[in-house]
Amino acid sequence: MLTNSDERLTWKEIEERYPDTWVGLSNVKFENNDGANIETAVVSEIGTRDELYDDMFSNGLQMVTHTNPEKFLFSNWSLW
């Protein structure tokens, strides 16, 4: 589901606003440009992992992640 939002949020705000949710992010800024720790981003879409990965390129998502790190790590084993 597209969020129709251009609001830039901190990672903490994303976790609070979208608890236990798969999010598709755009305009991601990483802490210290490390490519791993999200400082701020725009939540462009929410949905299931599969929906978001399928839409990743067509909707211009920069990355797909889960706001619960344990669920993200466990579910992505199948992608490796």
PDB file of N, CA and C in Angstrom:
ATOM      1  N   MET A   1       0.843  -1.165   0.000  1.00  0.00           N
ATOM      2  CA  MET A   1       0.000   0.000   0.000  1.00  0.00           C
ATOM      3  C   MET A   1       0.893   1.235   0.000  1.00  0.00           C
ATOM      4  N   LEU A   2       0.715   2.105  -0.973  1.00  0.00           N
ATOM      5  CA  LEU A   2       1.465   3.342  -1.039  1.00  0.00           C
ATOM      6  C   LEU A   2       1.028   4.270   0.090  1.00  0.00           C
ATOM      7  N   THR A   3       1.975   4.973   0.676  1.00  0.00           N
ATOM      8  CA  THR A   3       1.631   5.870   1.788  1.00  0.00           C
ATOM      9  C   THR A   3       1.317   7.284   1.315  1.00  0.00           C
ATOM     10  N   ASN A   4       1.720   7.629   0.090  1.00  0.00           N
ATOM     11  CA  ASN A   4       1.515   8.982  -0.435  1.00  0.00           C
ATOM     12  C   ASN A   4       2.102  10.041   0.489  1.00  0.00           C
ATOM     13  N   SER A   5       3.244   9.746   1.045  1.00  0.00           N
ATOM     14  CA  SER A   5       3.901  10.670   1.956  1.00  0.00           C
ATOM     15  C   SER A   5       5.306  10.976   1.469  1.00  0.00           C
ATOM     16  N   ASP A   6       5.700  12.223   1.592  1.00  0.00           N
ATOM     17  CA  ASP A   6       7.071  12.629   1.300  1.00  0.00           C
ATOM     18  C   ASP A   6       7.783  13.046   2.578  1.00  0.00           C
ATOM     19  N   GLU A   7       7.174  12.715   3.722  1.00  0.00           N
ATOM     20  CA  GLU A   7       7.719  13.139   5.010  1.00  0.00           C
ATOM     21  C   GLU A   7       8.961  12.325   5.365  1.00  0.00           C
ATOM     22  N   ARG A   8      10.047  13.025   5.627  1.00  0.00           N
ATOM     23  CA  ARG A   8      11.293  12.386   6.052  1.00  0.00           C
ATOM     24  C   ARG A   8      11.208  12.143   7.552  1.00  0.00           C
ATOM     25  N   LEU A   9      11.463  10.893   7.945  1.00  0.00           N
ATOM     26  CA  LEU A   9      11.382  10.496   9.352  1.00  0.00           C
ATOM     27  C   LEU A   9      12.709   9.906   9.801  1.00  0.00           C
ATOM     28  N   THR A  10      12.999  10.023  11.095  1.00  0.00           N
ATOM     29  CA  THR A  10      14.144   9.320  11.653  1.00  0.00           C
ATOM     30  C   THR A  10      13.766   7.848  11.767  1.00  0.00           C
ATOM     31  N   TRP A  11      14.778   6.975  11.930  1.00  0.00           N
ATOM     32  CA  TRP A  11      14.480   5.555  12.085  1.00  0.00           C
ATOM     33  C   TRP A  11      13.614   5.327  13.313  1.00  0.00           C
ATOM     34  N   LYS A  12      13.871   6.043  14.390  1.00  0.00           N
ATOM     35  CA  LYS A  12      13.059   5.894  15.608  1.00  0.00           C
ATOM     36  C   LYS A  12      11.600   6.270  15.333  1.00  0.00           C
ATOM     37  N   GLU A  13      11.374   7.342  14.587  1.00  0.00           N
ATOM     38  CA  GLU A  13      10.005   7.743  14.240  1.00  0.00           C
ATOM     39  C   GLU A  13       9.337   6.697  13.358  1.00  0.00           C
ATOM     40  N   ILE A  14      10.101   6.099  12.433  1.00  0.00           N
ATOM     41  CA  ILE A  14       9.545   5.044  11.575  1.00  0.00           C
ATOM     42  C   ILE A  14       9.126   3.852  12.430  1.00  0.00           C
ATOM     43  N   GLU A  15       9.989   3.439  13.358  1.00  0.00           N
ATOM     44  CA  GLU A  15       9.657   2.321  14.251  1.00  0.00           C
ATOM     45  C   GLU A  15       8.408   2.613  15.075  1.00  0.00           C
ATOM     46  N   GLU A  16       8.267   3.846  15.544  1.00  0.00           N
ATOM     47  CA  GLU A  16       7.106   4.219  16.369  1.00  0.00           C
ATOM     48  C   GLU A  16       5.827   4.319  15.539  1.00  0.00           C
ATOM     49  N   ARG A  17       5.926   4.875  14.347  1.00  0.00           N
ATOM     50  CA  ARG A  17       4.745   5.081  13.502  1.00  0.00           C
ATOM     51  C   ARG A  17       4.281   3.796  12.817  1.00  0.00           C
ATOM     52  N   TYR A  18       5.232   2.900  12.532  1.00  0.00           N
ATOM     53  CA  TYR A  18       4.918   1.653  11.827  1.00  0.00           C
ATOM     54  C   TYR A  18       5.469   0.461  12.610  1.00  0.00           C
ATOM     55  N   PRO A  19       4.936   0.213  13.803  1.00  0.00           N
ATOM     56  CA  PRO A  19       5.478  -0.887  14.618  1.00  0.00           C
ATOM     57  C   PRO A  19       5.204  -2.254  13.983  1.00  0.00           C
ATOM     58  N   ASP A  20       6.209  -3.123  14.054  1.00  0.00           N
ATOM     59  CA  ASP A  20       6.085  -4.499  13.591  1.00  0.00           C
ATOM     60  C   ASP A  20       5.535  -4.580  12.165  1.00  0.00           C
ATOM     61  N   THR A  21       6.144  -3.784  11.255  1.00  0.00           N
ATOM     62  CA  THR A  21       5.622  -3.628   9.901  1.00  0.00           C
ATOM     63  C   THR A  21       6.747  -3.678   8.874  1.00  0.00           C
ATOM     64  N   TRP A  22       6.469  -4.276   7.715  1.00  0.00           N
ATOM     65  CA  TRP A  22       7.373  -4.188   6.580  1.00  0.00           C
ATOM     66  C   TRP A  22       7.200  -2.830   5.931  1.00  0.00           C
ATOM     67  N   VAL A  23       8.300  -2.130   5.667  1.00  0.00           N
ATOM     68  CA  VAL A  23       8.245  -0.799   5.065  1.00  0.00           C
ATOM     69  C   VAL A  23       9.157  -0.743   3.849  1.00  0.00           C
ATOM     70  N   GLY A  24       8.691  -0.052   2.829  1.00  0.00           N
ATOM     71  CA  GLY A  24       9.503   0.238   1.653  1.00  0.00           C
ATOM     72  C   GLY A  24       9.968   1.676   1.763  1.00  0.00           C
ATOM     73  N   LEU A  25      11.274   1.878   1.732  1.00  0.00           N
ATOM     74  CA  LEU A  25      11.846   3.194   1.982  1.00  0.00           C
ATOM     75  C   LEU A  25      12.460   3.790   0.719  1.00  0.00           C
ATOM     76  N   SER A  26      12.371   5.104   0.631  1.00  0.00           N
ATOM     77  CA  SER A  26      13.056   5.844  -0.423  1.00  0.00           C
ATOM     78  C   SER A  26      13.779   7.020   0.233  1.00  0.00           C
ATOM     79  N   ASN A  27      14.648   7.635  -0.521  1.00  0.00           N
ATOM     80  CA  ASN A  27      15.434   8.773  -0.020  1.00  0.00           C
ATOM     81  C   ASN A  27      16.089   8.464   1.322  1.00  0.00           C
ATOM     82  N   VAL A  28      16.718   7.305   1.396  1.00  0.00           N
ATOM     83  CA  VAL A  28      17.342   6.848   2.639  1.00  0.00           C
ATOM     84  C   VAL A  28      18.673   7.567   2.842  1.00  0.00           C
ATOM     85  N   LYS A  29      18.872   8.058   4.053  1.00  0.00           N
ATOM     86  CA  LYS A  29      20.156   8.628   4.459  1.00  0.00           C
ATOM     87  C   LYS A  29      20.682   7.744   5.589  1.00  0.00           C
ATOM     88  N   PHE A  30      21.899   7.227   5.402  1.00  0.00           N
ATOM     89  CA  PHE A  30      22.496   6.330   6.385  1.00  0.00           C
ATOM     90  C   PHE A  30      23.409   7.089   7.336  1.00  0.00           C
ATOM     91  N   GLU A  31      23.468   6.602   8.577  1.00  0.00           N
ATOM     92  CA  GLU A  31      24.381   7.178   9.556  1.00  0.00           C
ATOM     93  C   GLU A  31      25.802   7.005   9.052  1.00  0.00           C
ATOM     94  N   ASN A  32      26.561   8.080   9.045  1.00  0.00           N
ATOM     95  CA  ASN A  32      27.967   8.054   8.620  1.00  0.00           C
ATOM     96  C   ASN A  32      28.162   7.412   7.246  1.00  0.00           C
ATOM     97  N   ASN A  33      27.123   7.449   6.411  1.00  0.00           N
ATOM     98  CA  ASN A  33      27.178   6.826   5.078  1.00  0.00           C
ATOM     99  C   ASN A  33      27.627   5.375   5.131  1.00  0.00           C
ATOM    100  N   ASP A  34      27.210   4.648   6.173  1.00  0.00           N
ATOM    101  CA  ASP A  34      27.668   3.269   6.344  1.00  0.00           C
ATOM    102  C   ASP A  34      26.872   2.250   5.528  1.00  0.00           C
ATOM    103  N   GLY A  35      25.760   2.664   4.924  1.00  0.00           N
ATOM    104  CA  GLY A  35      24.962   1.758   4.103  1.00  0.00           C
ATOM    105  C   GLY A  35      24.173   0.723   4.874  1.00  0.00           C
ATOM    106  N   ALA A  36      24.163   0.840   6.204  1.00  0.00           N
ATOM    107  CA  ALA A  36      23.475  -0.165   7.022  1.00  0.00           C
ATOM    108  C   ALA A  36      22.528   0.449   8.044  1.00  0.00           C
ATOM    109  N   ASN A  37      22.959   1.467   8.737  1.00  0.00           N
ATOM    110  CA  ASN A  37      22.156   2.066   9.809  1.00  0.00           C
ATOM    111  C   ASN A  37      21.411   3.289   9.296  1.00  0.00           C
ATOM    112  N   ILE A  38      20.084   3.178   9.282  1.00  0.00           N
ATOM    113  CA  ILE A  38      19.250   4.234   8.721  1.00  0.00           C
ATOM    114  C   ILE A  38      19.182   5.408   9.685  1.00  0.00           C
ATOM    115  N   GLU A  39      19.511   6.590   9.165  1.00  0.00           N
ATOM    116  CA  GLU A  39      19.362   7.815   9.950  1.00  0.00           C
ATOM    117  C   GLU A  39      17.971   8.402   9.702  1.00  0.00           C
ATOM    118  N   THR A  40      17.643   8.649   8.429  1.00  0.00           N
ATOM    119  CA  THR A  40      16.329   9.155   8.047  1.00  0.00           C
ATOM    120  C   THR A  40      15.924   8.530   6.714  1.00  0.00           C
ATOM    121  N   ALA A  41      14.612   8.530   6.460  1.00  0.00           N
ATOM    122  CA  ALA A  41      14.101   8.008   5.189  1.00  0.00           C
ATOM    123  C   ALA A  41      12.656   8.436   5.026  1.00  0.00           C
ATOM    124  N   VAL A  42      12.138   8.233   3.835  1.00  0.00           N
ATOM    125  CA  VAL A  42      10.724   8.444   3.539  1.00  0.00           C
ATOM    126  C   VAL A  42      10.082   7.069   3.410  1.00  0.00           C
ATOM    127  N   VAL A  43       9.013   6.819   4.162  1.00  0.00           N
ATOM    128  CA  VAL A  43       8.274   5.561   4.048  1.00  0.00           C
ATOM    129  C   VAL A  43       7.316   5.720   2.869  1.00  0.00           C
ATOM    130  N   SER A  44       7.648   5.067   1.762  1.00  0.00           N
ATOM    131  CA  SER A  44       6.855   5.191   0.540  1.00  0.00           C
ATOM    132  C   SER A  44       5.743   4.168   0.448  1.00  0.00           C
ATOM    133  N   GLU A  45       5.959   3.021   1.106  1.00  0.00           N
ATOM    134  CA  GLU A  45       5.000   1.929   0.962  1.00  0.00           C
ATOM    135  C   GLU A  45       5.090   1.014   2.182  1.00  0.00           C
ATOM    136  N   ILE A  46       3.965   0.413   2.547  1.00  0.00           N
ATOM    137  CA  ILE A  46       3.929  -0.618   3.582  1.00  0.00           C
ATOM    138  C   ILE A  46       3.198  -1.821   3.007  1.00  0.00           C
ATOM    139  N   GLY A  47       3.527  -3.000   3.507  1.00  0.00           N
ATOM    140  CA  GLY A  47       2.880  -4.212   3.007  1.00  0.00           C
ATOM    141  C   GLY A  47       3.622  -5.433   3.488  1.00  0.00           C
ATOM    142  N   THR A  48       3.418  -6.551   2.786  1.00  0.00           N
ATOM    143  CA  THR A  48       4.136  -7.771   3.131  1.00  0.00           C
ATOM    144  C   THR A  48       5.537  -7.707   2.513  1.00  0.00           C
ATOM    145  N   ARG A  49       6.418  -8.531   3.003  1.00  0.00           N
ATOM    146  CA  ARG A  49       7.775  -8.576   2.460  1.00  0.00           C
ATOM    147  C   ARG A  49       7.741  -8.854   0.967  1.00  0.00           C
ATOM    148  N   ASP A  50       6.971  -9.859   0.564  1.00  0.00           N
ATOM    149  CA  ASP A  50       6.928 -10.241  -0.847  1.00  0.00           C
ATOM    150  C   ASP A  50       6.369  -9.130  -1.725  1.00  0.00           C
ATOM    151  N   GLU A  51       5.303  -8.471  -1.265  1.00  0.00           N
ATOM    152  CA  GLU A  51       4.727  -7.359  -2.035  1.00  0.00           C
ATOM    153  C   GLU A  51       5.761  -6.256  -2.242  1.00  0.00           C
ATOM    154  N   LEU A  52       6.450  -5.915  -1.164  1.00  0.00           N
ATOM    155  CA  LEU A  52       7.402  -4.813  -1.252  1.00  0.00           C
ATOM    156  C   LEU A  52       8.600  -5.163  -2.124  1.00  0.00           C
ATOM    157  N   TYR A  53       9.115  -6.397  -2.014  1.00  0.00           N
ATOM    158  CA  TYR A  53      10.228  -6.783  -2.882  1.00  0.00           C
ATOM    159  C   TYR A  53       9.780  -6.821  -4.340  1.00  0.00           C
ATOM    160  N   ASP A  54       8.551  -7.261  -4.601  1.00  0.00           N
ATOM    161  CA  ASP A  54       8.032  -7.274  -5.967  1.00  0.00           C
ATOM    162  C   ASP A  54       7.902  -5.856  -6.525  1.00  0.00           C
ATOM    163  N   ASP A  55       7.507  -4.901  -5.659  1.00  0.00           N
ATOM    164  CA  ASP A  55       7.287  -3.511  -6.080  1.00  0.00           C
ATOM    165  C   ASP A  55       8.555  -2.665  -6.010  1.00  0.00           C
ATOM    166  N   MET A  56       9.629  -3.225  -5.516  1.00  0.00           N
ATOM    167  CA  MET A  56      10.815  -2.437  -5.219  1.00  0.00           C
ATOM    168  C   MET A  56      11.282  -1.606  -6.413  1.00  0.00           C
ATOM    169  N   PHE A  57      11.386  -2.222  -7.563  1.00  0.00           N
ATOM    170  CA  PHE A  57      11.912  -1.500  -8.716  1.00  0.00           C
ATOM    171  C   PHE A  57      10.841  -0.670  -9.411  1.00  0.00           C
ATOM    172  N   SER A  58       9.621  -1.176  -9.499  1.00  0.00           N
ATOM    173  CA  SER A  58       8.574  -0.431 -10.197  1.00  0.00           C
ATOM    174  C   SER A  58       8.128   0.815  -9.434  1.00  0.00           C
ATOM    175  N   ASN A  59       8.244   0.802  -8.118  1.00  0.00           N
ATOM    176  CA  ASN A  59       7.820   1.965  -7.332  1.00  0.00           C
ATOM    177  C   ASN A  59       8.994   2.794  -6.822  1.00  0.00           C
ATOM    178  N   GLY A  60      10.202   2.463  -7.253  1.00  0.00           N
ATOM    179  CA  GLY A  60      11.358   3.269  -6.901  1.00  0.00           C
ATOM    180  C   GLY A  60      11.788   3.180  -5.453  1.00  0.00           C
ATOM    181  N   LEU A  61      11.495   2.055  -4.808  1.00  0.00           N
ATOM    182  CA  LEU A  61      11.928   1.902  -3.423  1.00  0.00           C
ATOM    183  C   LEU A  61      13.436   1.697  -3.386  1.00  0.00           C
ATOM    184  N   GLN A  62      14.074   2.307  -2.409  1.00  0.00           N
ATOM    185  CA  GLN A  62      15.515   2.151  -2.256  1.00  0.00           C
ATOM    186  C   GLN A  62      15.843   0.907  -1.443  1.00  0.00           C
ATOM    187  N   MET A  63      14.996   0.609  -0.462  1.00  0.00           N
ATOM    188  CA  MET A  63      15.216  -0.586   0.342  1.00  0.00           C
ATOM    189  C   MET A  63      13.924  -1.024   1.002  1.00  0.00           C
ATOM    190  N   VAL A  64      13.900  -2.300   1.389  1.00  0.00           N
ATOM    191  CA  VAL A  64      12.774  -2.896   2.106  1.00  0.00           C
ATOM    192  C   VAL A  64      13.321  -3.441   3.412  1.00  0.00           C
ATOM    193  N   THR A  65      12.643  -3.125   4.510  1.00  0.00           N
ATOM    194  CA  THR A  65      13.087  -3.607   5.814  1.00  0.00           C
ATOM    195  C   THR A  65      11.888  -3.752   6.738  1.00  0.00           C
ATOM    196  N   HIS A  66      12.117  -4.341   7.872  1.00  0.00           N
ATOM    197  CA  HIS A  66      11.072  -4.526   8.875  1.00  0.00           C
ATOM    198  C   HIS A  66      11.428  -3.701  10.092  1.00  0.00           C
ATOM    199  N   THR A  67      10.433  -3.143  10.745  1.00  0.00           N
ATOM    200  CA  THR A  67      10.714  -2.307  11.911  1.00  0.00           C
ATOM    201  C   THR A  67      11.055  -3.133  13.142  1.00  0.00           C
ATOM    202  N   ASN A  68      10.921  -4.457  13.049  1.00  0.00           N
ATOM    203  CA  ASN A  68      11.374  -5.353  14.104  1.00  0.00           C
ATOM    204  C   ASN A  68      12.597  -6.084  13.541  1.00  0.00           C
ATOM    205  N   PRO A  69      13.813  -5.719  13.979  1.00  0.00           N
ATOM    206  CA  PRO A  69      15.023  -6.297  13.388  1.00  0.00           C
ATOM    207  C   PRO A  69      15.075  -7.819  13.414  1.00  0.00           C
ATOM    208  N   GLU A  70      14.511  -8.452  14.440  1.00  0.00           N
ATOM    209  CA  GLU A  70      14.534  -9.912  14.511  1.00  0.00           C
ATOM    210  C   GLU A  70      13.731 -10.526  13.370  1.00  0.00           C
ATOM    211  N   LYS A  71      12.583  -9.952  13.048  1.00  0.00           N
ATOM    212  CA  LYS A  71      11.770 -10.480  11.949  1.00  0.00           C
ATOM    213  C   LYS A  71      12.469 -10.262  10.614  1.00  0.00           C
ATOM    214  N   PHE A  72      13.145  -9.126  10.474  1.00  0.00           N
ATOM    215  CA  PHE A  72      13.855  -8.849   9.227  1.00  0.00           C
ATOM    216  C   PHE A  72      14.961  -9.873   9.005  1.00  0.00           C
ATOM    217  N   LEU A  73      15.791 -10.095   9.991  1.00  0.00           N
ATOM    218  CA  LEU A  73      16.910 -11.032   9.839  1.00  0.00           C
ATOM    219  C   LEU A  73      16.429 -12.450   9.597  1.00  0.00           C
ATOM    220  N   PHE A  74      15.432 -12.898  10.347  1.00  0.00           N
ATOM    221  CA  PHE A  74      14.935 -14.264  10.201  1.00  0.00           C
ATOM    222  C   PHE A  74      14.318 -14.477   8.825  1.00  0.00           C
ATOM    223  N   SER A  75      13.490 -13.546   8.371  1.00  0.00           N
ATOM    224  CA  SER A  75      12.769 -13.741   7.109  1.00  0.00           C
ATOM    225  C   SER A  75      13.678 -13.610   5.901  1.00  0.00           C
ATOM    226  N   ASN A  76      14.783 -12.881   6.013  1.00  0.00           N
ATOM    227  CA  ASN A  76      15.646 -12.690   4.863  1.00  0.00           C
ATOM    228  C   ASN A  76      16.648 -13.811   4.648  1.00  0.00           C
ATOM    229  N   TRP A  77      16.707 -14.786   5.536  1.00  0.00           N
ATOM    230  CA  TRP A  77      17.560 -15.945   5.292  1.00  0.00           C
ATOM    231  C   TRP A  77      17.167 -16.623   3.984  1.00  0.00           C
ATOM    232  N   SER A  78      15.871 -16.587   3.678  1.00  0.00           N
ATOM    233  CA  SER A  78      15.412 -17.260   2.459  1.00  0.00           C
ATOM    234  C   SER A  78      15.878 -16.539   1.201  1.00  0.00           C
ATOM    235  N   LEU A  79      16.311 -15.300   1.321  1.00  0.00           N
ATOM    236  CA  LEU A  79      16.751 -14.531   0.150  1.00  0.00           C
ATOM    237  C   LEU A  79      18.228 -14.743  -0.160  1.00  0.00           C
ATOM    238  N   TRP A  80      18.990 -15.332   0.761  1.00  0.00           N
ATOM    239  CA  TRP A  80      20.432 -15.468   0.562  1.00  0.00           C
ATOM    240  C   TRP A  80      20.787 -16.739  -0.130  1.00  0.00           C
TER     241      TRP A  80
END
